[in-house]
Amino acid sequence: MISPSILSCDFTNVKKDFDAMNEAKADFVHIDIMDGNYVPNISFGPSIVSQFRKLTDIDFDVHLMINEPEKYIEDFVKAGANIITIHPDSTLHLNRTINLIKSFGIKAGIAINPAQELSILDYTLEDIDLVLIMSVNPGFGGQSFIESSTRKVEDVKKIINNAKSKCLIEVDGGIKLNNALKVYNAGADILVAGSAIFGSENPKKTIIKFKELLK
């Protein structure tokens, strides 16, 4: 499955990029929320997400790179989020925040940064629907894929299989057409791609190429 990251959209003509996602039948729309504190960048808040919701029926895959995400969960649910993913070290009570997300009837995920260990899954896997493996350091689009991330995907896949979990694996950062199949074959279910799609000459055709590659 492919989740185009709108952080790389042309925001002077964002409807055109949403039309491309709609026509290419993207599986998700990946929305990065950054607060300038947890990561050194700022994106947008719930009010902008609610405006995006008017442009598509595709499920919103909302990635919160913010401190104290529990304060904003309900706002993003109301804005149209279908999945909300948080970072374990961004909230004081991780289990409580995961349960808060799920209390609204949507899916919950946790994100693991490149240098973070996988031991957090020992205590959270049974409560979450998605593990987001960051294959770049979070905060900016257009970064190069960290090669060790492929091994991390394989390791997470083993953990999920051993637990007989239905949790999905998503990979975000530096995904291109020339490395997507390698990451997918390592065990990823969802690939996030931003600049590879919206930096291409034809985003619609590029999304379709990703989908055909991952069949």
N, C-alpha and C. Protein backbone atom coordinates (compact mmCIF):
# COMPACT_ATOMS: atom_id res chain seq x y z
N MET A 1 0.85 -1.19 0.00
CA MET A 1 0.00 0.00 0.00
C MET A 1 0.88 1.24 0.00
N ILE A 2 0.37 2.30 -0.58
CA ILE A 2 1.13 3.54 -0.68
C ILE A 2 0.39 4.69 0.00
N SER A 3 1.16 5.48 0.76
CA SER A 3 0.60 6.61 1.50
C SER A 3 1.39 7.87 1.12
N PRO A 4 0.95 8.61 0.10
CA PRO A 4 1.67 9.83 -0.30
C PRO A 4 1.71 10.86 0.83
N SER A 5 2.89 11.42 1.04
CA SER A 5 3.07 12.40 2.10
C SER A 5 2.85 13.81 1.56
N ILE A 6 1.82 14.47 2.06
CA ILE A 6 1.49 15.78 1.51
C ILE A 6 2.42 16.88 1.98
N LEU A 7 3.39 16.54 2.84
CA LEU A 7 4.39 17.53 3.22
C LEU A 7 5.14 18.03 1.98
N SER A 8 5.16 17.20 0.94
CA SER A 8 5.87 17.56 -0.29
C SER A 8 4.95 18.10 -1.37
N CYS A 9 3.68 18.32 -1.03
CA CYS A 9 2.72 18.87 -2.00
C CYS A 9 3.10 20.29 -2.42
N ASP A 10 2.50 20.72 -3.53
CA ASP A 10 2.56 22.12 -3.94
C ASP A 10 1.39 22.83 -3.27
N PHE A 11 1.67 23.55 -2.20
CA PHE A 11 0.59 24.15 -1.43
C PHE A 11 0.00 25.39 -2.09
N THR A 12 0.56 25.80 -3.22
CA THR A 12 -0.09 26.87 -4.00
C THR A 12 -1.18 26.28 -4.89
N ASN A 13 -1.19 24.94 -5.00
CA ASN A 13 -2.20 24.28 -5.83
C ASN A 13 -2.45 22.89 -5.26
N VAL A 14 -2.79 22.86 -3.98
CA VAL A 14 -2.88 21.58 -3.29
C VAL A 14 -4.03 20.72 -3.82
N LYS A 15 -5.07 21.32 -4.34
CA LYS A 15 -6.19 20.53 -4.88
C LYS A 15 -5.73 19.66 -6.03
N LYS A 16 -4.82 20.17 -6.83
CA LYS A 16 -4.30 19.39 -7.96
C LYS A 16 -3.63 18.11 -7.46
N ASP A 17 -2.86 18.23 -6.38
CA ASP A 17 -2.18 17.05 -5.84
C ASP A 17 -3.18 16.09 -5.20
N PHE A 18 -4.21 16.60 -4.57
CA PHE A 18 -5.26 15.72 -4.03
C PHE A 18 -6.02 15.03 -5.15
N ASP A 19 -6.25 15.74 -6.24
CA ASP A 19 -6.91 15.12 -7.40
C ASP A 19 -6.06 13.96 -7.92
N ALA A 20 -4.74 14.14 -7.94
CA ALA A 20 -3.85 13.08 -8.39
C ALA A 20 -3.96 11.86 -7.49
N MET A 21 -4.01 12.09 -6.17
CA MET A 21 -4.14 10.97 -5.23
C MET A 21 -5.48 10.27 -5.40
N ASN A 22 -6.54 11.05 -5.60
CA ASN A 22 -7.87 10.47 -5.80
C ASN A 22 -7.91 9.63 -7.07
N GLU A 23 -7.40 10.18 -8.17
CA GLU A 23 -7.47 9.49 -9.46
C GLU A 23 -6.59 8.24 -9.49
N ALA A 24 -5.46 8.30 -8.77
CA ALA A 24 -4.55 7.14 -8.73
C ALA A 24 -4.95 6.13 -7.67
N LYS A 25 -5.99 6.46 -6.89
CA LYS A 25 -6.48 5.59 -5.82
C LYS A 25 -5.38 5.25 -4.80
N ALA A 26 -4.76 6.29 -4.28
CA ALA A 26 -3.79 6.11 -3.19
C ALA A 26 -4.49 5.43 -2.02
N ASP A 27 -3.76 4.62 -1.29
CA ASP A 27 -4.37 3.87 -0.19
C ASP A 27 -4.61 4.74 1.04
N PHE A 28 -3.71 5.68 1.28
CA PHE A 28 -3.82 6.62 2.39
C PHE A 28 -3.27 7.96 1.96
N VAL A 29 -3.57 8.98 2.75
CA VAL A 29 -2.89 10.27 2.64
C VAL A 29 -2.11 10.45 3.94
N HIS A 30 -0.79 10.56 3.82
CA HIS A 30 0.06 10.69 5.00
C HIS A 30 0.21 12.18 5.34
N ILE A 31 -0.15 12.53 6.58
CA ILE A 31 -0.13 13.93 7.00
C ILE A 31 0.80 14.08 8.21
N ASP A 32 1.90 14.77 8.00
CA ASP A 32 2.88 15.00 9.06
C ASP A 32 2.54 16.27 9.82
N ILE A 33 2.37 16.13 11.12
CA ILE A 33 2.09 17.26 12.01
C ILE A 33 3.32 17.51 12.87
N MET A 34 3.90 18.71 12.75
CA MET A 34 5.14 19.03 13.46
C MET A 34 4.98 20.33 14.24
N ASP A 35 5.52 20.34 15.45
CA ASP A 35 5.27 21.48 16.35
C ASP A 35 6.48 22.39 16.58
N GLY A 36 7.62 22.07 15.96
CA GLY A 36 8.80 22.89 16.19
C GLY A 36 9.48 22.61 17.51
N ASN A 37 8.96 21.65 18.27
CA ASN A 37 9.54 21.27 19.56
C ASN A 37 10.04 19.83 19.53
N TYR A 38 9.13 18.89 19.26
CA TYR A 38 9.58 17.50 19.17
C TYR A 38 10.52 17.33 17.98
N VAL A 39 10.22 18.03 16.89
CA VAL A 39 11.11 18.07 15.73
C VAL A 39 11.37 19.53 15.36
N PRO A 40 12.48 19.81 14.70
CA PRO A 40 12.82 21.21 14.40
C PRO A 40 12.15 21.74 13.14
N ASN A 41 10.85 21.60 13.07
CA ASN A 41 10.11 22.10 11.92
C ASN A 41 8.65 22.27 12.35
N ILE A 42 7.91 23.07 11.62
CA ILE A 42 6.49 23.32 11.91
C ILE A 42 5.69 23.06 10.63
N SER A 43 4.58 22.36 10.75
CA SER A 43 3.74 22.14 9.56
C SER A 43 2.39 22.81 9.74
N PHE A 44 1.38 22.07 10.15
CA PHE A 44 0.04 22.65 10.28
C PHE A 44 -0.75 21.92 11.35
N GLY A 45 -1.93 22.45 11.66
CA GLY A 45 -2.74 21.91 12.74
C GLY A 45 -4.06 21.34 12.26
N PRO A 46 -4.96 21.02 13.20
CA PRO A 46 -6.23 20.38 12.87
C PRO A 46 -7.10 21.17 11.89
N SER A 47 -7.08 22.49 11.95
CA SER A 47 -7.95 23.27 11.07
C SER A 47 -7.58 23.08 9.61
N ILE A 48 -6.28 22.95 9.32
CA ILE A 48 -5.84 22.71 7.94
C ILE A 48 -6.20 21.28 7.53
N VAL A 49 -6.02 20.34 8.44
CA VAL A 49 -6.38 18.94 8.14
C VAL A 49 -7.86 18.84 7.80
N SER A 50 -8.69 19.55 8.51
CA SER A 50 -10.14 19.52 8.24
C SER A 50 -10.46 20.08 6.85
N GLN A 51 -9.65 21.02 6.39
CA GLN A 51 -9.83 21.53 5.03
C GLN A 51 -9.38 20.51 3.99
N PHE A 52 -8.29 19.79 4.29
CA PHE A 52 -7.86 18.71 3.40
C PHE A 52 -8.95 17.66 3.27
N ARG A 53 -9.66 17.40 4.36
CA ARG A 53 -10.69 16.36 4.36
C ARG A 53 -11.77 16.63 3.31
N LYS A 54 -12.00 17.89 3.00
CA LYS A 54 -13.00 18.24 1.98
C LYS A 54 -12.58 17.84 0.57
N LEU A 55 -11.30 17.53 0.40
CA LEU A 55 -10.75 17.26 -0.93
C LEU A 55 -10.67 15.79 -1.28
N THR A 56 -10.95 14.90 -0.31
CA THR A 56 -10.80 13.47 -0.57
C THR A 56 -11.55 12.63 0.44
N ASP A 57 -11.86 11.39 0.04
CA ASP A 57 -12.43 10.40 0.95
C ASP A 57 -11.39 9.37 1.37
N ILE A 58 -10.16 9.51 0.88
CA ILE A 58 -9.09 8.58 1.23
C ILE A 58 -8.79 8.70 2.73
N ASP A 59 -8.49 7.58 3.36
CA ASP A 59 -8.19 7.59 4.79
C ASP A 59 -6.97 8.45 5.09
N PHE A 60 -7.07 9.23 6.16
CA PHE A 60 -5.97 10.08 6.60
C PHE A 60 -5.10 9.35 7.61
N ASP A 61 -3.83 9.25 7.27
CA ASP A 61 -2.80 8.61 8.06
C ASP A 61 -2.00 9.75 8.71
N VAL A 62 -2.39 10.12 9.94
CA VAL A 62 -1.86 11.32 10.58
C VAL A 62 -0.72 10.96 11.54
N HIS A 63 0.43 11.54 11.28
CA HIS A 63 1.64 11.27 12.05
C HIS A 63 1.96 12.48 12.91
N LEU A 64 1.77 12.34 14.22
CA LEU A 64 1.99 13.45 15.14
C LEU A 64 3.43 13.47 15.65
N MET A 65 4.20 14.40 15.15
CA MET A 65 5.57 14.62 15.64
C MET A 65 5.53 15.84 16.55
N ILE A 66 4.82 15.67 17.66
CA ILE A 66 4.58 16.79 18.57
C ILE A 66 4.69 16.31 20.01
N ASN A 67 5.05 17.22 20.90
CA ASN A 67 5.06 16.91 22.32
C ASN A 67 3.64 16.93 22.87
N GLU A 68 3.39 16.08 23.85
CA GLU A 68 2.07 15.97 24.51
C GLU A 68 0.94 15.81 23.50
N PRO A 69 1.02 14.80 22.63
CA PRO A 69 -0.01 14.61 21.61
C PRO A 69 -1.40 14.37 22.18
N GLU A 70 -1.45 13.88 23.43
CA GLU A 70 -2.75 13.59 24.04
C GLU A 70 -3.65 14.83 24.09
N LYS A 71 -3.06 16.00 24.10
CA LYS A 71 -3.85 17.24 24.17
C LYS A 71 -4.60 17.53 22.86
N TYR A 72 -4.19 16.86 21.78
CA TYR A 72 -4.71 17.23 20.46
C TYR A 72 -5.38 16.08 19.72
N ILE A 73 -5.42 14.90 20.35
CA ILE A 73 -5.99 13.72 19.69
C ILE A 73 -7.42 13.98 19.22
N GLU A 74 -8.27 14.47 20.12
CA GLU A 74 -9.67 14.68 19.76
C GLU A 74 -9.81 15.68 18.61
N ASP A 75 -8.99 16.71 18.60
CA ASP A 75 -9.05 17.71 17.54
C ASP A 75 -8.72 17.09 16.19
N PHE A 76 -7.71 16.21 16.15
CA PHE A 76 -7.36 15.59 14.86
C PHE A 76 -8.38 14.54 14.44
N VAL A 77 -8.99 13.88 15.39
CA VAL A 77 -10.09 12.96 15.05
C VAL A 77 -11.23 13.73 14.42
N LYS A 78 -11.61 14.84 15.02
CA LYS A 78 -12.68 15.66 14.47
C LYS A 78 -12.31 16.23 13.11
N ALA A 79 -11.01 16.44 12.88
CA ALA A 79 -10.55 16.98 11.59
C ALA A 79 -10.57 15.93 10.48
N GLY A 80 -10.69 14.65 10.86
CA GLY A 80 -10.82 13.62 9.83
C GLY A 80 -9.79 12.51 9.86
N ALA A 81 -8.98 12.42 10.91
CA ALA A 81 -7.96 11.37 10.98
C ALA A 81 -8.59 9.99 11.09
N ASN A 82 -8.02 9.03 10.36
CA ASN A 82 -8.44 7.62 10.44
C ASN A 82 -7.41 6.77 11.18
N ILE A 83 -6.16 7.20 11.12
CA ILE A 83 -5.07 6.58 11.87
C ILE A 83 -4.29 7.73 12.52
N ILE A 84 -3.96 7.59 13.78
CA ILE A 84 -3.07 8.56 14.42
C ILE A 84 -1.88 7.81 14.99
N THR A 85 -0.70 8.24 14.58
CA THR A 85 0.55 7.64 15.04
C THR A 85 1.31 8.65 15.88
N ILE A 86 1.81 8.18 17.02
CA ILE A 86 2.54 9.05 17.94
C ILE A 86 3.92 8.45 18.23
N HIS A 87 4.81 9.27 18.76
CA HIS A 87 6.13 8.81 19.16
C HIS A 87 6.11 8.48 20.65
N PRO A 88 6.62 7.31 21.04
CA PRO A 88 6.58 6.90 22.45
C PRO A 88 7.19 7.91 23.41
N ASP A 89 8.25 8.61 22.97
CA ASP A 89 8.92 9.54 23.87
C ASP A 89 8.32 10.94 23.84
N SER A 90 7.17 11.09 23.16
CA SER A 90 6.53 12.41 23.10
C SER A 90 5.42 12.57 24.13
N THR A 91 5.10 11.47 24.82
CA THR A 91 4.00 11.49 25.78
C THR A 91 4.42 10.81 27.08
N LEU A 92 3.96 11.32 28.19
CA LEU A 92 4.37 10.79 29.49
C LEU A 92 3.76 9.42 29.76
N HIS A 93 2.51 9.22 29.33
CA HIS A 93 1.80 7.96 29.58
C HIS A 93 1.38 7.37 28.24
N LEU A 94 2.27 6.58 27.64
CA LEU A 94 2.06 6.06 26.29
C LEU A 94 0.80 5.20 26.19
N ASN A 95 0.63 4.28 27.12
CA ASN A 95 -0.54 3.38 27.06
C ASN A 95 -1.84 4.17 27.13
N ARG A 96 -1.87 5.17 27.99
CA ARG A 96 -3.07 6.00 28.13
C ARG A 96 -3.38 6.75 26.83
N THR A 97 -2.33 7.24 26.18
CA THR A 97 -2.54 8.00 24.94
C THR A 97 -2.98 7.08 23.80
N ILE A 98 -2.41 5.88 23.73
CA ILE A 98 -2.86 4.90 22.73
C ILE A 98 -4.33 4.57 22.94
N ASN A 99 -4.72 4.34 24.18
CA ASN A 99 -6.12 4.02 24.49
C ASN A 99 -7.03 5.20 24.17
N LEU A 100 -6.55 6.41 24.37
CA LEU A 100 -7.33 7.60 24.03
C LEU A 100 -7.61 7.64 22.54
N ILE A 101 -6.58 7.39 21.73
CA ILE A 101 -6.78 7.37 20.28
C ILE A 101 -7.84 6.34 19.90
N LYS A 102 -7.71 5.14 20.43
CA LYS A 102 -8.63 4.06 20.06
C LYS A 102 -10.04 4.27 20.60
N SER A 103 -10.16 5.08 21.65
CA SER A 103 -11.49 5.34 22.22
C SER A 103 -12.38 6.09 21.24
N PHE A 104 -11.78 6.73 20.24
CA PHE A 104 -12.55 7.45 19.23
C PHE A 104 -12.90 6.58 18.03
N GLY A 105 -12.55 5.29 18.13
CA GLY A 105 -12.93 4.36 17.06
C GLY A 105 -12.01 4.40 15.86
N ILE A 106 -10.81 4.94 16.01
CA ILE A 106 -9.85 4.95 14.91
C ILE A 106 -8.63 4.12 15.30
N LYS A 107 -7.71 3.95 14.35
CA LYS A 107 -6.53 3.12 14.59
C LYS A 107 -5.40 3.93 15.20
N ALA A 108 -4.58 3.23 15.99
CA ALA A 108 -3.46 3.87 16.69
C ALA A 108 -2.15 3.23 16.27
N GLY A 109 -1.13 4.07 16.11
CA GLY A 109 0.19 3.57 15.78
C GLY A 109 1.25 4.23 16.62
N ILE A 110 2.43 3.58 16.68
CA ILE A 110 3.58 4.22 17.29
C ILE A 110 4.71 4.29 16.27
N ALA A 111 5.49 5.37 16.34
CA ALA A 111 6.61 5.58 15.42
C ALA A 111 7.92 5.32 16.15
N ILE A 112 8.84 4.68 15.45
CA ILE A 112 10.15 4.36 16.02
C ILE A 112 11.21 5.07 15.19
N ASN A 113 11.96 5.96 15.82
CA ASN A 113 13.00 6.72 15.15
C ASN A 113 14.21 5.84 14.83
N PRO A 114 15.08 6.29 13.91
CA PRO A 114 16.20 5.44 13.47
C PRO A 114 17.08 4.88 14.58
N ALA A 115 17.37 5.66 15.60
CA ALA A 115 18.28 5.19 16.65
C ALA A 115 17.57 4.54 17.84
N GLN A 116 16.24 4.46 17.77
CA GLN A 116 15.49 3.89 18.89
C GLN A 116 15.41 2.36 18.78
N GLU A 117 15.39 1.70 19.93
CA GLU A 117 15.31 0.25 19.98
C GLU A 117 13.87 -0.22 19.82
N LEU A 118 13.72 -1.51 19.55
CA LEU A 118 12.39 -2.08 19.31
C LEU A 118 11.75 -2.63 20.58
N SER A 119 12.43 -2.52 21.71
CA SER A 119 11.91 -3.11 22.95
C SER A 119 10.58 -2.52 23.37
N ILE A 120 10.26 -1.31 22.91
CA ILE A 120 8.98 -0.68 23.24
C ILE A 120 7.81 -1.55 22.76
N LEU A 121 8.04 -2.37 21.74
CA LEU A 121 6.98 -3.22 21.20
C LEU A 121 6.60 -4.33 22.17
N ASP A 122 7.51 -4.67 23.09
CA ASP A 122 7.20 -5.71 24.08
C ASP A 122 5.98 -5.33 24.92
N TYR A 123 5.76 -4.03 25.06
CA TYR A 123 4.70 -3.56 25.97
C TYR A 123 3.55 -2.86 25.25
N THR A 124 3.66 -2.72 23.93
CA THR A 124 2.63 -1.96 23.22
C THR A 124 1.99 -2.71 22.05
N LEU A 125 2.64 -3.76 21.56
CA LEU A 125 2.20 -4.38 20.31
C LEU A 125 0.74 -4.84 20.35
N GLU A 126 0.32 -5.36 21.48
CA GLU A 126 -1.06 -5.88 21.56
C GLU A 126 -2.10 -4.77 21.56
N ASP A 127 -1.67 -3.52 21.74
CA ASP A 127 -2.61 -2.41 21.81
C ASP A 127 -2.65 -1.55 20.55
N ILE A 128 -1.71 -1.76 19.63
CA ILE A 128 -1.62 -0.86 18.47
C ILE A 128 -1.98 -1.57 17.17
N ASP A 129 -2.22 -0.77 16.16
CA ASP A 129 -2.60 -1.28 14.84
C ASP A 129 -1.49 -1.11 13.81
N LEU A 130 -0.49 -0.28 14.15
CA LEU A 130 0.52 0.07 13.16
C LEU A 130 1.84 0.42 13.85
N VAL A 131 2.94 -0.02 13.25
CA VAL A 131 4.28 0.40 13.67
C VAL A 131 4.87 1.19 12.51
N LEU A 132 5.19 2.45 12.76
CA LEU A 132 5.79 3.30 11.75
C LEU A 132 7.30 3.34 11.98
N ILE A 133 8.05 2.79 11.05
CA ILE A 133 9.50 2.80 11.13
C ILE A 133 10.02 4.00 10.37
N MET A 134 10.65 4.91 11.08
CA MET A 134 11.22 6.08 10.45
C MET A 134 12.56 5.70 9.82
N SER A 135 12.65 5.86 8.51
CA SER A 135 13.88 5.51 7.79
C SER A 135 14.70 6.75 7.47
N VAL A 136 14.31 7.86 8.08
CA VAL A 136 15.11 9.09 8.16
C VAL A 136 14.88 9.66 9.55
N ASN A 137 15.69 10.62 9.95
CA ASN A 137 15.41 11.32 11.21
C ASN A 137 14.26 12.27 10.98
N PRO A 138 13.23 12.22 11.82
CA PRO A 138 12.00 12.97 11.54
C PRO A 138 12.17 14.48 11.60
N GLY A 139 11.36 15.16 10.79
CA GLY A 139 11.33 16.62 10.85
C GLY A 139 11.37 17.31 9.51
N PHE A 140 11.94 16.65 8.50
CA PHE A 140 12.05 17.28 7.19
C PHE A 140 11.83 16.25 6.08
N GLY A 141 11.22 16.68 4.98
CA GLY A 141 11.07 15.82 3.82
C GLY A 141 12.32 15.85 2.97
N GLY A 142 12.39 14.91 2.01
CA GLY A 142 13.47 14.93 1.04
C GLY A 142 14.79 14.35 1.51
N GLN A 143 14.82 13.67 2.68
CA GLN A 143 16.06 13.09 3.18
C GLN A 143 16.34 11.73 2.53
N SER A 144 17.59 11.29 2.63
CA SER A 144 17.98 10.01 2.05
C SER A 144 17.64 8.86 3.00
N PHE A 145 17.26 7.75 2.42
CA PHE A 145 16.91 6.54 3.15
C PHE A 145 18.10 6.01 3.95
N ILE A 146 17.88 5.71 5.23
CA ILE A 146 18.92 5.11 6.07
C ILE A 146 18.88 3.60 5.84
N GLU A 147 19.96 3.05 5.29
CA GLU A 147 19.95 1.68 4.80
C GLU A 147 19.68 0.65 5.89
N SER A 148 20.09 0.91 7.11
CA SER A 148 19.86 -0.05 8.19
C SER A 148 18.37 -0.22 8.50
N SER A 149 17.54 0.67 7.96
CA SER A 149 16.10 0.58 8.21
C SER A 149 15.50 -0.69 7.63
N THR A 150 16.08 -1.20 6.57
CA THR A 150 15.56 -2.44 5.96
C THR A 150 15.66 -3.59 6.95
N ARG A 151 16.79 -3.67 7.63
CA ARG A 151 16.97 -4.71 8.64
C ARG A 151 15.99 -4.52 9.79
N LYS A 152 15.70 -3.27 10.11
CA LYS A 152 14.76 -2.97 11.19
C LYS A 152 13.36 -3.44 10.81
N VAL A 153 13.00 -3.27 9.56
CA VAL A 153 11.70 -3.75 9.07
C VAL A 153 11.62 -5.27 9.25
N GLU A 154 12.69 -5.95 8.87
CA GLU A 154 12.73 -7.41 9.00
C GLU A 154 12.57 -7.83 10.46
N ASP A 155 13.24 -7.10 11.34
CA ASP A 155 13.16 -7.43 12.78
C ASP A 155 11.75 -7.22 13.33
N VAL A 156 11.12 -6.11 12.92
CA VAL A 156 9.76 -5.84 13.38
C VAL A 156 8.79 -6.89 12.84
N LYS A 157 9.00 -7.29 11.60
CA LYS A 157 8.13 -8.31 10.99
C LYS A 157 8.21 -9.61 11.79
N LYS A 158 9.41 -9.98 12.23
CA LYS A 158 9.57 -11.20 13.03
C LYS A 158 8.84 -11.08 14.36
N ILE A 159 8.95 -9.91 14.99
CA ILE A 159 8.26 -9.68 16.26
C ILE A 159 6.75 -9.81 16.09
N ILE A 160 6.23 -9.21 15.04
CA ILE A 160 4.79 -9.25 14.77
C ILE A 160 4.33 -10.69 14.49
N ASN A 161 5.09 -11.40 13.66
CA ASN A 161 4.72 -12.78 13.33
C ASN A 161 4.77 -13.68 14.56
N ASN A 162 5.80 -13.50 15.38
CA ASN A 162 5.93 -14.33 16.58
C ASN A 162 4.80 -14.09 17.57
N ALA A 163 4.30 -12.86 17.57
CA ALA A 163 3.19 -12.52 18.46
C ALA A 163 1.83 -12.83 17.85
N LYS A 164 1.87 -13.31 16.59
CA LYS A 164 0.63 -13.57 15.84
C LYS A 164 -0.28 -12.33 15.82
N SER A 165 0.37 -11.19 15.64
CA SER A 165 -0.33 -9.90 15.61
C SER A 165 -0.71 -9.54 14.18
N LYS A 166 -1.76 -8.75 14.04
CA LYS A 166 -2.18 -8.24 12.74
C LYS A 166 -1.69 -6.81 12.50
N CYS A 167 -0.79 -6.36 13.36
CA CYS A 167 -0.26 -5.00 13.28
C CYS A 167 0.44 -4.79 11.93
N LEU A 168 0.21 -3.64 11.33
CA LEU A 168 0.82 -3.31 10.05
C LEU A 168 2.15 -2.59 10.27
N ILE A 169 3.04 -2.72 9.28
CA ILE A 169 4.31 -2.01 9.30
C ILE A 169 4.30 -0.94 8.22
N GLU A 170 4.59 0.29 8.63
CA GLU A 170 4.68 1.41 7.70
C GLU A 170 6.11 1.94 7.75
N VAL A 171 6.63 2.37 6.60
CA VAL A 171 8.00 2.90 6.54
C VAL A 171 7.94 4.28 5.90
N ASP A 172 8.61 5.23 6.54
CA ASP A 172 8.55 6.63 6.12
C ASP A 172 9.94 7.25 6.09
N GLY A 173 10.34 7.72 4.90
CA GLY A 173 11.59 8.46 4.79
C GLY A 173 12.48 7.95 3.68
N GLY A 174 12.68 8.76 2.65
CA GLY A 174 13.59 8.39 1.58
C GLY A 174 13.11 7.28 0.68
N ILE A 175 11.81 7.00 0.69
CA ILE A 175 11.27 5.95 -0.17
C ILE A 175 11.17 6.46 -1.60
N LYS A 176 11.78 5.70 -2.52
CA LYS A 176 11.76 6.02 -3.94
C LYS A 176 11.34 4.77 -4.72
N LEU A 177 11.10 4.96 -6.01
CA LEU A 177 10.74 3.80 -6.83
C LEU A 177 11.87 2.78 -6.89
N ASN A 178 13.12 3.24 -6.73
CA ASN A 178 14.24 2.31 -6.86
C ASN A 178 14.57 1.55 -5.57
N ASN A 179 13.93 1.89 -4.46
CA ASN A 179 14.17 1.12 -3.23
C ASN A 179 12.89 0.59 -2.59
N ALA A 180 11.75 0.95 -3.15
CA ALA A 180 10.46 0.58 -2.56
C ALA A 180 10.27 -0.92 -2.47
N LEU A 181 10.62 -1.65 -3.52
CA LEU A 181 10.39 -3.09 -3.53
C LEU A 181 11.24 -3.80 -2.49
N LYS A 182 12.46 -3.33 -2.28
CA LYS A 182 13.34 -3.90 -1.27
C LYS A 182 12.73 -3.76 0.12
N VAL A 183 12.19 -2.59 0.41
CA VAL A 183 11.59 -2.33 1.73
C VAL A 183 10.30 -3.13 1.88
N TYR A 184 9.52 -3.20 0.81
CA TYR A 184 8.27 -3.96 0.82
C TYR A 184 8.55 -5.44 1.06
N ASN A 185 9.55 -5.98 0.37
CA ASN A 185 9.90 -7.39 0.51
C ASN A 185 10.46 -7.71 1.89
N ALA A 186 11.00 -6.70 2.56
CA ALA A 186 11.51 -6.90 3.92
C ALA A 186 10.39 -7.08 4.93
N GLY A 187 9.17 -6.70 4.54
CA GLY A 187 8.02 -6.89 5.43
C GLY A 187 7.11 -5.70 5.60
N ALA A 188 7.39 -4.59 4.91
CA ALA A 188 6.53 -3.41 5.04
C ALA A 188 5.17 -3.64 4.39
N ASP A 189 4.14 -3.08 4.99
CA ASP A 189 2.79 -3.14 4.43
C ASP A 189 2.42 -1.82 3.75
N ILE A 190 2.90 -0.71 4.30
CA ILE A 190 2.57 0.63 3.81
C ILE A 190 3.87 1.40 3.62
N LEU A 191 4.04 2.02 2.46
CA LEU A 191 5.20 2.87 2.21
C LEU A 191 4.74 4.31 2.08
N VAL A 192 5.43 5.19 2.78
CA VAL A 192 5.17 6.63 2.68
C VAL A 192 6.17 7.22 1.70
N ALA A 193 5.66 7.97 0.73
CA ALA A 193 6.54 8.63 -0.23
C ALA A 193 6.06 10.05 -0.44
N GLY A 194 6.98 11.00 -0.35
CA GLY A 194 6.63 12.41 -0.51
C GLY A 194 7.25 13.03 -1.73
N SER A 195 8.53 13.36 -1.65
CA SER A 195 9.20 14.03 -2.76
C SER A 195 9.26 13.14 -4.00
N ALA A 196 9.32 11.81 -3.80
CA ALA A 196 9.35 10.90 -4.94
C ALA A 196 8.08 11.00 -5.78
N ILE A 197 6.97 11.35 -5.10
CA ILE A 197 5.69 11.48 -5.81
C ILE A 197 5.46 12.91 -6.26
N PHE A 198 5.48 13.84 -5.32
CA PHE A 198 5.10 15.21 -5.65
C PHE A 198 6.23 16.03 -6.26
N GLY A 199 7.43 15.45 -6.25
CA GLY A 199 8.54 16.08 -6.95
C GLY A 199 8.72 15.54 -8.35
N SER A 200 7.87 14.57 -8.72
CA SER A 200 7.93 13.99 -10.07
C SER A 200 7.11 14.83 -11.04
N GLU A 201 7.31 14.58 -12.32
CA GLU A 201 6.59 15.34 -13.34
C GLU A 201 5.10 15.04 -13.33
N ASN A 202 4.74 13.82 -12.94
CA ASN A 202 3.34 13.41 -12.97
C ASN A 202 3.02 12.60 -11.70
N PRO A 203 2.60 13.27 -10.61
CA PRO A 203 2.33 12.56 -9.36
C PRO A 203 1.34 11.41 -9.50
N LYS A 204 0.31 11.59 -10.31
CA LYS A 204 -0.68 10.52 -10.50
C LYS A 204 -0.01 9.27 -11.05
N LYS A 205 0.78 9.41 -12.11
CA LYS A 205 1.44 8.27 -12.71
C LYS A 205 2.45 7.64 -11.75
N THR A 206 3.10 8.46 -10.95
CA THR A 206 4.09 7.93 -9.99
C THR A 206 3.41 7.11 -8.91
N ILE A 207 2.26 7.57 -8.42
CA ILE A 207 1.50 6.78 -7.43
C ILE A 207 1.11 5.44 -8.04
N ILE A 208 0.64 5.46 -9.27
CA ILE A 208 0.25 4.22 -9.95
C ILE A 208 1.45 3.28 -10.10
N LYS A 209 2.62 3.85 -10.42
CA LYS A 209 3.83 3.04 -10.53
C LYS A 209 4.17 2.37 -9.21
N PHE A 210 4.05 3.12 -8.12
CA PHE A 210 4.28 2.55 -6.79
C PHE A 210 3.31 1.40 -6.53
N LYS A 211 2.05 1.62 -6.81
CA LYS A 211 1.02 0.59 -6.56
C LYS A 211 1.27 -0.66 -7.39
N GLU A 212 1.67 -0.49 -8.65
CA GLU A 212 1.97 -1.65 -9.51
C GLU A 212 3.20 -2.39 -9.03
N LEU A 213 4.19 -1.65 -8.53
CA LEU A 213 5.42 -2.24 -8.04
C LEU A 213 5.18 -3.11 -6.82
N LEU A 214 4.22 -2.70 -6.00
CA LEU A 214 3.98 -3.36 -4.72
C LEU A 214 2.88 -4.41 -4.77
N LYS A 215 2.41 -4.75 -5.97
CA LYS A 215 1.36 -5.76 -6.08
C LYS A 215 1.88 -7.13 -5.66
